[in-house]
Amino acid sequence: MDQEFYRRHSMPDMKDESGTASKTLSAAARRSFFRRKQKHKRSASKDGKDLVDAISTDSLPIMEDGVSLAYQRVQKVECSSPRPVLVLGPLVEANKDMLVKEAPGRFCRCLPEVMKASQQAIERGVKDCVFIDFKRRSGHFDVTTVASIKEITEKDCHCLLDIAPHAIERLHSVHIYPIVIFIRYKNAKQIK
């Protein structure tokens, strides 16, 4: 009796109350009918993840009061001389080398000056807008000066800067407005 009941309810063709044959599907068959194939299955938005990865707080300049410069008002400034270029992101040195190699008349590196001075003297120079940025090396400082940037731009070349993103505000304070380029690769295959 149980087997007959099971056979009757599992058959695809069953007669309904009106006596006509109708096809019914078992629960598993109905579920598989609506199930998507694996390749069409949506996952979390990759574009959203890429956007979050692209906007990293490490790469954005932060003002002294702690406000990030991700969004800031800008105004158009006319520049008669070539503007300095700050390249951020992975493989920065290789990209700068490529620019200098392919267009030596248009791009020139701004080499930092080596200074043996005290930390206080360097910081005073930064405060007085003589120095834009500095890096401490063993026993000395590598300093990027306003004079070296202006010297290169007077030669009608774009100056390739090697400064930290937070130094952009110091450049603005001396009326030097750099072109800031953030390079980002989606995966390792894009890097050539």
N, C-alpha and C. Protein backbone atom coordinates (compact mmCIF):
# COMPACT_ATOMS: atom_id res chain seq x y z
N MET A 1 0.82 -1.18 0.00
CA MET A 1 0.00 0.00 0.00
C MET A 1 0.87 1.26 0.00
N ASP A 2 1.92 1.30 0.83
CA ASP A 2 2.80 2.46 0.87
C ASP A 2 3.53 2.64 -0.46
N GLN A 3 3.93 1.53 -1.06
CA GLN A 3 4.64 1.62 -2.33
C GLN A 3 3.73 2.17 -3.42
N GLU A 4 2.46 1.76 -3.41
CA GLU A 4 1.53 2.25 -4.41
C GLU A 4 1.29 3.75 -4.21
N PHE A 5 1.16 4.19 -2.98
CA PHE A 5 0.97 5.61 -2.68
C PHE A 5 2.20 6.42 -3.13
N TYR A 6 3.38 5.91 -2.85
CA TYR A 6 4.61 6.58 -3.24
C TYR A 6 4.71 6.67 -4.75
N ARG A 7 4.40 5.56 -5.46
CA ARG A 7 4.47 5.54 -6.91
C ARG A 7 3.48 6.52 -7.51
N ARG A 8 2.30 6.60 -6.94
CA ARG A 8 1.27 7.46 -7.48
C ARG A 8 1.64 8.94 -7.32
N HIS A 9 2.24 9.32 -6.21
CA HIS A 9 2.57 10.72 -5.97
C HIS A 9 3.89 11.15 -6.61
N SER A 10 4.71 10.22 -6.99
CA SER A 10 5.97 10.59 -7.60
C SER A 10 5.92 10.55 -9.12
N MET A 11 4.81 10.11 -9.69
CA MET A 11 4.69 10.05 -11.14
C MET A 11 4.54 11.46 -11.70
N PRO A 12 5.16 11.75 -12.84
CA PRO A 12 5.07 13.08 -13.39
C PRO A 12 3.67 13.41 -13.92
N ASP A 13 2.97 12.43 -14.42
CA ASP A 13 1.62 12.68 -14.91
C ASP A 13 0.62 12.25 -13.85
N MET A 14 -0.12 13.19 -13.37
CA MET A 14 -1.15 12.88 -12.38
C MET A 14 -2.45 13.47 -12.86
N LYS A 15 -3.52 12.86 -12.52
CA LYS A 15 -4.82 13.39 -12.88
C LYS A 15 -5.30 14.26 -11.74
N ASP A 16 -5.73 15.48 -12.11
CA ASP A 16 -6.27 16.34 -11.07
C ASP A 16 -7.74 16.03 -10.87
N GLU A 17 -8.42 16.80 -10.05
CA GLU A 17 -9.80 16.52 -9.70
C GLU A 17 -10.73 16.55 -10.90
N SER A 18 -10.40 17.32 -11.95
CA SER A 18 -11.27 17.39 -13.12
C SER A 18 -11.06 16.21 -14.05
N GLY A 19 -10.08 15.37 -13.78
CA GLY A 19 -9.86 14.18 -14.57
C GLY A 19 -8.85 14.38 -15.69
N THR A 20 -8.32 15.58 -15.88
CA THR A 20 -7.33 15.81 -16.94
C THR A 20 -5.94 15.55 -16.40
N ALA A 21 -5.09 15.14 -17.30
CA ALA A 21 -3.71 14.85 -16.89
C ALA A 21 -2.93 16.15 -16.79
N SER A 22 -2.20 16.30 -15.75
CA SER A 22 -1.35 17.48 -15.60
C SER A 22 0.03 17.03 -15.17
N LYS A 23 1.00 17.77 -15.60
CA LYS A 23 2.38 17.42 -15.23
C LYS A 23 2.75 18.19 -13.98
N THR A 24 3.25 17.50 -13.04
CA THR A 24 3.75 18.15 -11.83
C THR A 24 5.20 17.76 -11.66
N LEU A 25 5.90 18.59 -11.02
CA LEU A 25 7.31 18.34 -10.79
C LEU A 25 7.54 18.13 -9.30
N SER A 26 8.46 17.28 -9.01
CA SER A 26 8.80 17.10 -7.60
C SER A 26 9.51 18.35 -7.11
N ALA A 27 9.68 18.47 -5.82
CA ALA A 27 10.30 19.65 -5.24
C ALA A 27 11.72 19.83 -5.75
N ALA A 28 12.45 18.75 -5.89
CA ALA A 28 13.83 18.84 -6.39
C ALA A 28 13.85 19.31 -7.84
N ALA A 29 12.91 18.84 -8.63
CA ALA A 29 12.87 19.25 -10.03
C ALA A 29 12.50 20.72 -10.15
N ARG A 30 11.59 21.21 -9.31
CA ARG A 30 11.22 22.62 -9.36
C ARG A 30 12.40 23.50 -8.95
N ARG A 31 13.11 23.08 -7.95
CA ARG A 31 14.26 23.85 -7.50
C ARG A 31 15.33 23.93 -8.58
N SER A 32 15.58 22.82 -9.27
CA SER A 32 16.61 22.82 -10.30
C SER A 32 16.17 23.63 -11.51
N PHE A 33 14.87 23.75 -11.72
CA PHE A 33 14.37 24.54 -12.84
C PHE A 33 14.70 26.02 -12.64
N PHE A 34 14.60 26.50 -11.42
CA PHE A 34 14.85 27.91 -11.15
C PHE A 34 16.30 28.21 -10.78
N ARG A 35 17.07 27.20 -10.55
CA ARG A 35 18.46 27.41 -10.16
C ARG A 35 19.27 27.89 -11.37
N ARG A 36 20.11 28.86 -11.13
CA ARG A 36 20.96 29.36 -12.20
C ARG A 36 22.17 28.47 -12.36
N LYS A 37 22.71 28.51 -13.55
CA LYS A 37 23.95 27.80 -13.76
C LYS A 37 25.07 28.56 -13.05
N GLN A 38 26.13 27.88 -12.77
CA GLN A 38 27.22 28.46 -12.00
C GLN A 38 27.81 29.70 -12.67
N LYS A 39 27.93 29.68 -14.01
CA LYS A 39 28.57 30.80 -14.68
C LYS A 39 27.73 32.06 -14.67
N HIS A 40 26.42 31.93 -14.46
CA HIS A 40 25.55 33.09 -14.44
C HIS A 40 25.30 33.60 -13.03
N LYS A 41 25.83 32.92 -12.06
CA LYS A 41 25.58 33.28 -10.68
C LYS A 41 26.28 34.59 -10.36
N ARG A 42 25.57 35.50 -9.75
CA ARG A 42 26.14 36.79 -9.40
C ARG A 42 26.89 36.67 -8.09
N SER A 43 27.99 37.31 -8.05
CA SER A 43 28.74 37.37 -6.80
C SER A 43 28.76 38.81 -6.34
N ALA A 44 29.52 39.07 -5.34
CA ALA A 44 29.64 40.45 -4.86
C ALA A 44 30.20 41.30 -5.99
N SER A 45 29.85 42.52 -6.01
CA SER A 45 30.24 43.42 -7.10
C SER A 45 31.75 43.59 -7.13
N LYS A 46 32.35 43.17 -8.22
CA LYS A 46 33.79 43.31 -8.35
C LYS A 46 34.17 44.77 -8.54
N ASP A 47 33.33 45.51 -9.25
CA ASP A 47 33.62 46.93 -9.47
C ASP A 47 33.65 47.68 -8.14
N GLY A 48 32.74 47.33 -7.24
CA GLY A 48 32.71 47.99 -5.94
C GLY A 48 33.97 47.69 -5.15
N LYS A 49 34.43 46.44 -5.22
CA LYS A 49 35.66 46.08 -4.51
C LYS A 49 36.85 46.79 -5.13
N ASP A 50 36.87 46.87 -6.46
CA ASP A 50 37.97 47.56 -7.13
C ASP A 50 38.01 49.03 -6.75
N LEU A 51 36.83 49.63 -6.63
CA LEU A 51 36.77 51.04 -6.27
C LEU A 51 37.32 51.26 -4.86
N VAL A 52 36.96 50.35 -3.96
CA VAL A 52 37.46 50.47 -2.59
C VAL A 52 38.97 50.28 -2.57
N ASP A 53 39.47 49.33 -3.37
CA ASP A 53 40.91 49.11 -3.42
C ASP A 53 41.64 50.30 -4.03
N ALA A 54 41.02 50.92 -5.02
CA ALA A 54 41.67 52.03 -5.71
C ALA A 54 41.80 53.24 -4.81
N ILE A 55 40.81 53.47 -4.00
CA ILE A 55 40.84 54.63 -3.12
C ILE A 55 41.38 54.19 -1.78
N SER A 56 42.64 54.23 -1.66
CA SER A 56 43.30 53.83 -0.42
C SER A 56 43.68 55.08 0.35
N THR A 57 43.46 55.05 1.63
CA THR A 57 43.79 56.23 2.43
C THR A 57 45.29 56.46 2.48
N ASP A 58 46.09 55.43 2.18
CA ASP A 58 47.53 55.61 2.17
C ASP A 58 47.98 56.49 1.01
N SER A 59 47.23 56.47 -0.09
CA SER A 59 47.65 57.21 -1.27
C SER A 59 47.07 58.60 -1.33
N LEU A 60 46.17 58.94 -0.42
CA LEU A 60 45.55 60.26 -0.44
C LEU A 60 46.25 61.18 0.54
N PRO A 61 46.51 62.41 0.13
CA PRO A 61 47.14 63.35 1.05
C PRO A 61 46.21 63.70 2.20
N ILE A 62 46.78 63.86 3.37
CA ILE A 62 46.00 64.22 4.55
C ILE A 62 46.56 65.53 5.09
N MET A 63 45.67 66.48 5.28
CA MET A 63 46.09 67.78 5.78
C MET A 63 46.47 67.67 7.25
N GLU A 64 47.07 68.73 7.77
CA GLU A 64 47.56 68.71 9.15
C GLU A 64 46.44 68.56 10.17
N ASP A 65 45.21 69.01 9.82
CA ASP A 65 44.10 68.86 10.76
C ASP A 65 43.43 67.50 10.65
N GLY A 66 44.00 66.58 9.85
CA GLY A 66 43.49 65.21 9.77
C GLY A 66 42.42 65.01 8.72
N VAL A 67 42.09 66.02 7.93
CA VAL A 67 41.07 65.89 6.91
C VAL A 67 41.71 65.34 5.64
N SER A 68 41.10 64.31 5.06
CA SER A 68 41.60 63.71 3.84
C SER A 68 41.24 64.59 2.65
N LEU A 69 42.11 64.63 1.66
CA LEU A 69 41.87 65.45 0.48
C LEU A 69 41.27 64.64 -0.66
N ALA A 70 40.48 63.64 -0.35
CA ALA A 70 39.85 62.85 -1.40
C ALA A 70 38.90 63.72 -2.21
N TYR A 71 38.18 64.58 -1.55
CA TYR A 71 37.28 65.52 -2.22
C TYR A 71 37.63 66.91 -1.74
N GLN A 72 37.93 67.77 -2.67
CA GLN A 72 38.27 69.13 -2.30
C GLN A 72 37.90 70.04 -3.47
N ARG A 73 37.58 71.26 -3.14
CA ARG A 73 37.25 72.23 -4.18
C ARG A 73 38.52 72.56 -4.97
N VAL A 74 38.34 72.67 -6.26
CA VAL A 74 39.46 73.03 -7.11
C VAL A 74 39.08 74.25 -7.94
N GLN A 75 40.07 74.94 -8.39
CA GLN A 75 39.83 76.07 -9.28
C GLN A 75 40.86 76.02 -10.39
N LYS A 76 40.47 76.51 -11.54
CA LYS A 76 41.34 76.47 -12.70
C LYS A 76 42.46 77.50 -12.53
N VAL A 77 43.68 77.05 -12.78
CA VAL A 77 44.86 77.90 -12.68
C VAL A 77 45.60 77.82 -14.00
N GLU A 78 45.87 78.95 -14.59
CA GLU A 78 46.63 79.00 -15.84
C GLU A 78 48.12 78.92 -15.52
N CYS A 79 48.81 78.01 -16.17
CA CYS A 79 50.26 77.87 -15.98
C CYS A 79 50.94 78.09 -17.32
N SER A 80 51.92 78.96 -17.33
CA SER A 80 52.65 79.24 -18.57
C SER A 80 53.82 78.28 -18.77
N SER A 81 54.33 77.72 -17.70
CA SER A 81 55.45 76.79 -17.80
C SER A 81 54.95 75.37 -17.55
N PRO A 82 55.74 74.36 -17.95
CA PRO A 82 55.33 72.97 -17.69
C PRO A 82 55.22 72.72 -16.19
N ARG A 83 54.19 71.99 -15.83
CA ARG A 83 53.96 71.72 -14.41
C ARG A 83 54.73 70.48 -13.96
N PRO A 84 55.14 70.43 -12.71
CA PRO A 84 55.78 69.22 -12.18
C PRO A 84 54.79 68.06 -12.17
N VAL A 85 55.31 66.85 -12.21
CA VAL A 85 54.48 65.65 -12.25
C VAL A 85 54.83 64.77 -11.06
N LEU A 86 53.80 64.37 -10.32
CA LEU A 86 53.96 63.44 -9.21
C LEU A 86 53.23 62.16 -9.58
N VAL A 87 53.96 61.05 -9.69
CA VAL A 87 53.38 59.76 -10.05
C VAL A 87 53.31 58.91 -8.79
N LEU A 88 52.11 58.39 -8.52
CA LEU A 88 51.88 57.54 -7.34
C LEU A 88 51.41 56.17 -7.79
N GLY A 89 51.66 55.17 -6.97
CA GLY A 89 51.19 53.82 -7.26
C GLY A 89 52.35 52.84 -7.36
N PRO A 90 52.06 51.61 -7.83
CA PRO A 90 53.11 50.60 -7.95
C PRO A 90 54.02 50.88 -9.15
N LEU A 91 55.24 50.42 -9.06
CA LEU A 91 56.24 50.55 -10.13
C LEU A 91 56.46 51.99 -10.58
N VAL A 92 56.49 52.90 -9.62
CA VAL A 92 56.64 54.32 -9.93
C VAL A 92 57.98 54.60 -10.59
N GLU A 93 59.03 54.02 -10.07
CA GLU A 93 60.37 54.29 -10.61
C GLU A 93 60.49 53.81 -12.05
N ALA A 94 59.93 52.66 -12.36
CA ALA A 94 59.97 52.15 -13.73
C ALA A 94 59.20 53.07 -14.68
N ASN A 95 58.08 53.59 -14.23
CA ASN A 95 57.30 54.50 -15.06
C ASN A 95 58.04 55.82 -15.28
N LYS A 96 58.68 56.32 -14.24
CA LYS A 96 59.46 57.56 -14.39
C LYS A 96 60.63 57.35 -15.35
N ASP A 97 61.31 56.21 -15.22
CA ASP A 97 62.42 55.91 -16.12
C ASP A 97 61.95 55.85 -17.57
N MET A 98 60.78 55.26 -17.79
CA MET A 98 60.22 55.16 -19.13
C MET A 98 59.92 56.55 -19.70
N LEU A 99 59.34 57.44 -18.89
CA LEU A 99 59.04 58.79 -19.35
C LEU A 99 60.31 59.55 -19.73
N VAL A 100 61.34 59.44 -18.91
CA VAL A 100 62.60 60.14 -19.18
C VAL A 100 63.27 59.56 -20.42
N LYS A 101 63.20 58.24 -20.57
CA LYS A 101 63.85 57.57 -21.70
C LYS A 101 63.14 57.87 -23.02
N GLU A 102 61.80 57.85 -23.01
CA GLU A 102 61.05 58.04 -24.25
C GLU A 102 60.91 59.51 -24.64
N ALA A 103 60.92 60.42 -23.70
CA ALA A 103 60.78 61.84 -24.01
C ALA A 103 61.74 62.66 -23.14
N PRO A 104 63.05 62.57 -23.42
CA PRO A 104 64.01 63.27 -22.56
C PRO A 104 63.89 64.79 -22.63
N GLY A 105 63.36 65.32 -23.71
CA GLY A 105 63.21 66.76 -23.82
C GLY A 105 62.00 67.30 -23.08
N ARG A 106 61.09 66.40 -22.71
CA ARG A 106 59.85 66.84 -22.05
C ARG A 106 59.81 66.51 -20.57
N PHE A 107 60.54 65.47 -20.15
CA PHE A 107 60.52 65.04 -18.75
C PHE A 107 61.93 64.99 -18.21
N CYS A 108 62.08 65.43 -16.98
CA CYS A 108 63.37 65.42 -16.31
C CYS A 108 63.15 65.11 -14.83
N ARG A 109 64.00 64.28 -14.28
CA ARG A 109 63.88 63.94 -12.86
C ARG A 109 64.38 65.09 -11.99
N CYS A 110 63.68 65.28 -10.88
CA CYS A 110 64.12 66.25 -9.88
C CYS A 110 64.91 65.47 -8.84
N LEU A 111 66.22 65.52 -8.95
CA LEU A 111 67.06 64.78 -8.02
C LEU A 111 67.14 65.52 -6.69
N PRO A 112 66.96 64.80 -5.59
CA PRO A 112 67.03 65.46 -4.28
C PRO A 112 68.47 65.86 -3.95
N GLU A 113 68.58 66.94 -3.22
CA GLU A 113 69.89 67.42 -2.77
C GLU A 113 70.25 66.73 -1.46
N VAL A 114 71.50 66.37 -1.33
CA VAL A 114 71.99 65.72 -0.11
C VAL A 114 72.43 66.81 0.85
N MET A 115 71.85 66.79 2.05
CA MET A 115 72.19 67.81 3.06
C MET A 115 72.55 67.12 4.37
N LYS A 116 73.63 67.60 4.97
CA LYS A 116 73.99 67.14 6.31
C LYS A 116 73.66 68.27 7.26
N ALA A 117 72.48 68.18 7.82
CA ALA A 117 72.01 69.22 8.74
C ALA A 117 71.20 68.54 9.84
N SER A 118 70.85 69.31 10.83
CA SER A 118 70.06 68.74 11.93
C SER A 118 68.59 68.62 11.50
N GLN A 119 67.88 67.82 12.23
CA GLN A 119 66.44 67.62 11.97
C GLN A 119 65.69 68.95 12.12
N GLN A 120 66.07 69.75 13.11
CA GLN A 120 65.40 71.02 13.33
C GLN A 120 65.63 71.98 12.16
N ALA A 121 66.83 71.99 11.61
CA ALA A 121 67.13 72.88 10.48
C ALA A 121 66.33 72.48 9.24
N ILE A 122 66.20 71.20 9.02
CA ILE A 122 65.42 70.71 7.87
C ILE A 122 63.95 71.06 8.06
N GLU A 123 63.42 70.83 9.26
CA GLU A 123 62.01 71.14 9.52
C GLU A 123 61.75 72.65 9.43
N ARG A 124 62.71 73.47 9.82
CA ARG A 124 62.58 74.91 9.68
C ARG A 124 62.54 75.30 8.20
N GLY A 125 63.36 74.63 7.39
CA GLY A 125 63.35 74.88 5.95
C GLY A 125 62.03 74.48 5.30
N VAL A 126 61.42 73.42 5.80
CA VAL A 126 60.10 73.00 5.31
C VAL A 126 59.05 74.03 5.71
N LYS A 127 59.14 74.51 6.95
CA LYS A 127 58.17 75.51 7.43
C LYS A 127 58.30 76.83 6.67
N ASP A 128 59.53 77.19 6.30
CA ASP A 128 59.77 78.43 5.56
C ASP A 128 59.56 78.27 4.05
N CYS A 129 59.12 77.09 3.62
CA CYS A 129 58.86 76.78 2.20
C CYS A 129 60.11 76.85 1.33
N VAL A 130 61.25 76.54 1.91
CA VAL A 130 62.48 76.41 1.13
C VAL A 130 62.58 74.98 0.63
N PHE A 131 62.20 74.03 1.49
CA PHE A 131 62.19 72.62 1.13
C PHE A 131 60.74 72.16 0.99
N ILE A 132 60.51 71.29 0.03
CA ILE A 132 59.18 70.73 -0.17
C ILE A 132 59.03 69.44 0.62
N ASP A 133 60.02 68.58 0.54
CA ASP A 133 59.94 67.29 1.22
C ASP A 133 61.36 66.81 1.52
N PHE A 134 61.49 65.93 2.49
CA PHE A 134 62.80 65.38 2.82
C PHE A 134 62.64 63.93 3.24
N LYS A 135 63.73 63.18 3.03
CA LYS A 135 63.80 61.79 3.47
C LYS A 135 65.11 61.62 4.22
N ARG A 136 65.01 60.98 5.37
CA ARG A 136 66.20 60.76 6.19
C ARG A 136 66.93 59.51 5.69
N ARG A 137 68.17 59.66 5.39
CA ARG A 137 69.04 58.55 5.03
C ARG A 137 70.06 58.38 6.14
N SER A 138 70.94 57.44 6.01
CA SER A 138 71.92 57.21 7.08
C SER A 138 72.90 58.39 7.16
N GLY A 139 72.71 59.22 8.17
CA GLY A 139 73.61 60.33 8.43
C GLY A 139 73.34 61.60 7.63
N HIS A 140 72.39 61.59 6.71
CA HIS A 140 72.10 62.80 5.94
C HIS A 140 70.62 62.81 5.53
N PHE A 141 70.21 63.89 4.90
CA PHE A 141 68.83 64.04 4.42
C PHE A 141 68.85 64.24 2.91
N ASP A 142 67.91 63.60 2.20
CA ASP A 142 67.66 63.88 0.79
C ASP A 142 66.52 64.87 0.74
N VAL A 143 66.79 66.08 0.24
CA VAL A 143 65.84 67.18 0.32
C VAL A 143 65.44 67.62 -1.09
N THR A 144 64.14 67.78 -1.31
CA THR A 144 63.62 68.34 -2.56
C THR A 144 63.35 69.81 -2.30
N THR A 145 64.02 70.67 -3.06
CA THR A 145 63.90 72.11 -2.83
C THR A 145 63.02 72.76 -3.90
N VAL A 146 62.46 73.90 -3.54
CA VAL A 146 61.65 74.69 -4.48
C VAL A 146 62.53 75.17 -5.62
N ALA A 147 63.77 75.54 -5.31
CA ALA A 147 64.69 76.05 -6.34
C ALA A 147 64.98 75.00 -7.41
N SER A 148 65.16 73.74 -7.00
CA SER A 148 65.46 72.69 -7.99
C SER A 148 64.25 72.42 -8.89
N ILE A 149 63.05 72.51 -8.34
CA ILE A 149 61.83 72.31 -9.15
C ILE A 149 61.69 73.45 -10.16
N LYS A 150 61.88 74.68 -9.70
CA LYS A 150 61.75 75.84 -10.60
C LYS A 150 62.85 75.84 -11.67
N GLU A 151 64.03 75.37 -11.31
CA GLU A 151 65.13 75.30 -12.28
C GLU A 151 64.78 74.37 -13.44
N ILE A 152 64.17 73.23 -13.14
CA ILE A 152 63.80 72.28 -14.19
C ILE A 152 62.65 72.80 -15.03
N THR A 153 61.65 73.41 -14.39
CA THR A 153 60.51 73.93 -15.16
C THR A 153 60.91 75.12 -16.03
N GLU A 154 61.94 75.86 -15.65
CA GLU A 154 62.44 76.95 -16.49
C GLU A 154 63.13 76.44 -17.75
N LYS A 155 63.57 75.17 -17.73
CA LYS A 155 64.16 74.54 -18.91
C LYS A 155 63.09 74.02 -19.86
N ASP A 156 61.82 74.31 -19.57
CA ASP A 156 60.68 73.88 -20.37
C ASP A 156 60.51 72.35 -20.35
N CYS A 157 60.73 71.76 -19.18
CA CYS A 157 60.55 70.32 -18.96
C CYS A 157 59.59 70.09 -17.80
N HIS A 158 58.89 68.97 -17.87
CA HIS A 158 58.07 68.55 -16.73
C HIS A 158 59.01 67.91 -15.71
N CYS A 159 58.94 68.37 -14.50
CA CYS A 159 59.79 67.87 -13.43
C CYS A 159 59.13 66.66 -12.79
N LEU A 160 59.78 65.49 -12.81
CA LEU A 160 59.24 64.29 -12.18
C LEU A 160 59.65 64.29 -10.71
N LEU A 161 58.67 64.47 -9.85
CA LEU A 161 58.92 64.62 -8.42
C LEU A 161 59.00 63.27 -7.71
N ASP A 162 59.79 63.23 -6.67
CA ASP A 162 59.87 62.06 -5.79
C ASP A 162 59.58 62.54 -4.37
N ILE A 163 58.31 62.87 -4.15
CA ILE A 163 57.89 63.40 -2.85
C ILE A 163 56.69 62.60 -2.35
N ALA A 164 56.39 62.76 -1.08
CA ALA A 164 55.23 62.10 -0.48
C ALA A 164 53.96 62.89 -0.85
N PRO A 165 52.81 62.23 -0.90
CA PRO A 165 51.56 62.92 -1.27
C PRO A 165 51.20 64.09 -0.36
N HIS A 166 51.58 64.03 0.91
CA HIS A 166 51.22 65.13 1.82
C HIS A 166 52.00 66.41 1.51
N ALA A 167 53.05 66.33 0.71
CA ALA A 167 53.83 67.51 0.35
C ALA A 167 53.18 68.33 -0.76
N ILE A 168 52.08 67.84 -1.32
CA ILE A 168 51.38 68.58 -2.38
C ILE A 168 50.89 69.92 -1.86
N GLU A 169 50.42 69.95 -0.62
CA GLU A 169 49.95 71.20 -0.03
C GLU A 169 51.08 72.22 0.08
N ARG A 170 52.28 71.76 0.37
CA ARG A 170 53.42 72.68 0.43
C ARG A 170 53.73 73.26 -0.95
N LEU A 171 53.58 72.43 -1.98
CA LEU A 171 53.77 72.93 -3.34
C LEU A 171 52.73 74.00 -3.67
N HIS A 172 51.48 73.76 -3.27
CA HIS A 172 50.43 74.74 -3.52
C HIS A 172 50.71 76.05 -2.80
N SER A 173 51.29 75.97 -1.62
CA SER A 173 51.55 77.19 -0.86
C SER A 173 52.60 78.09 -1.53
N VAL A 174 53.46 77.51 -2.37
CA VAL A 174 54.45 78.31 -3.10
C VAL A 174 54.04 78.49 -4.56
N HIS A 175 52.76 78.27 -4.84
CA HIS A 175 52.16 78.46 -6.16
C HIS A 175 52.78 77.56 -7.24
N ILE A 176 53.07 76.34 -6.85
CA ILE A 176 53.48 75.30 -7.80
C ILE A 176 52.36 74.27 -7.76
N TYR A 177 51.75 74.03 -8.92
CA TYR A 177 50.59 73.15 -8.98
C TYR A 177 50.94 71.92 -9.81
N PRO A 178 51.26 70.81 -9.15
CA PRO A 178 51.72 69.62 -9.88
C PRO A 178 50.56 68.85 -10.52
N ILE A 179 50.91 68.07 -11.52
CA ILE A 179 50.00 67.08 -12.09
C ILE A 179 50.21 65.82 -11.27
N VAL A 180 49.16 65.31 -10.65
CA VAL A 180 49.26 64.12 -9.82
C VAL A 180 48.61 62.97 -10.56
N ILE A 181 49.39 61.91 -10.80
CA ILE A 181 48.91 60.73 -11.53
C ILE A 181 48.99 59.54 -10.60
N PHE A 182 47.84 58.87 -10.43
CA PHE A 182 47.80 57.64 -9.63
C PHE A 182 47.65 56.47 -10.58
N ILE A 183 48.65 55.61 -10.64
CA ILE A 183 48.63 54.44 -11.52
C ILE A 183 48.19 53.24 -10.71
N ARG A 184 47.26 52.49 -11.29
CA ARG A 184 46.74 51.31 -10.60
C ARG A 184 46.54 50.21 -11.62
N TYR A 185 46.99 49.01 -11.29
CA TYR A 185 46.81 47.85 -12.14
C TYR A 185 45.77 46.94 -11.50
N LYS A 186 44.84 46.41 -12.32
CA LYS A 186 43.81 45.53 -11.76
C LYS A 186 44.40 44.18 -11.39
N ASN A 187 45.34 43.68 -12.19
CA ASN A 187 45.96 42.41 -11.87
C ASN A 187 47.39 42.40 -12.41
N ALA A 188 48.10 41.35 -12.13
CA ALA A 188 49.51 41.27 -12.52
C ALA A 188 49.69 41.15 -14.03
N LYS A 189 48.68 40.69 -14.75
CA LYS A 189 48.79 40.54 -16.20
C LYS A 189 48.86 41.89 -16.90
N GLN A 190 48.32 42.94 -16.28
CA GLN A 190 48.35 44.26 -16.90
C GLN A 190 49.72 44.90 -16.82
N ILE A 191 50.55 44.45 -15.93
CA ILE A 191 51.88 45.03 -15.76
C ILE A 191 52.80 44.45 -16.83
N LYS A 192 53.33 45.30 -17.66
CA LYS A 192 54.24 44.83 -18.73
C LYS A 192 55.49 45.64 -18.73
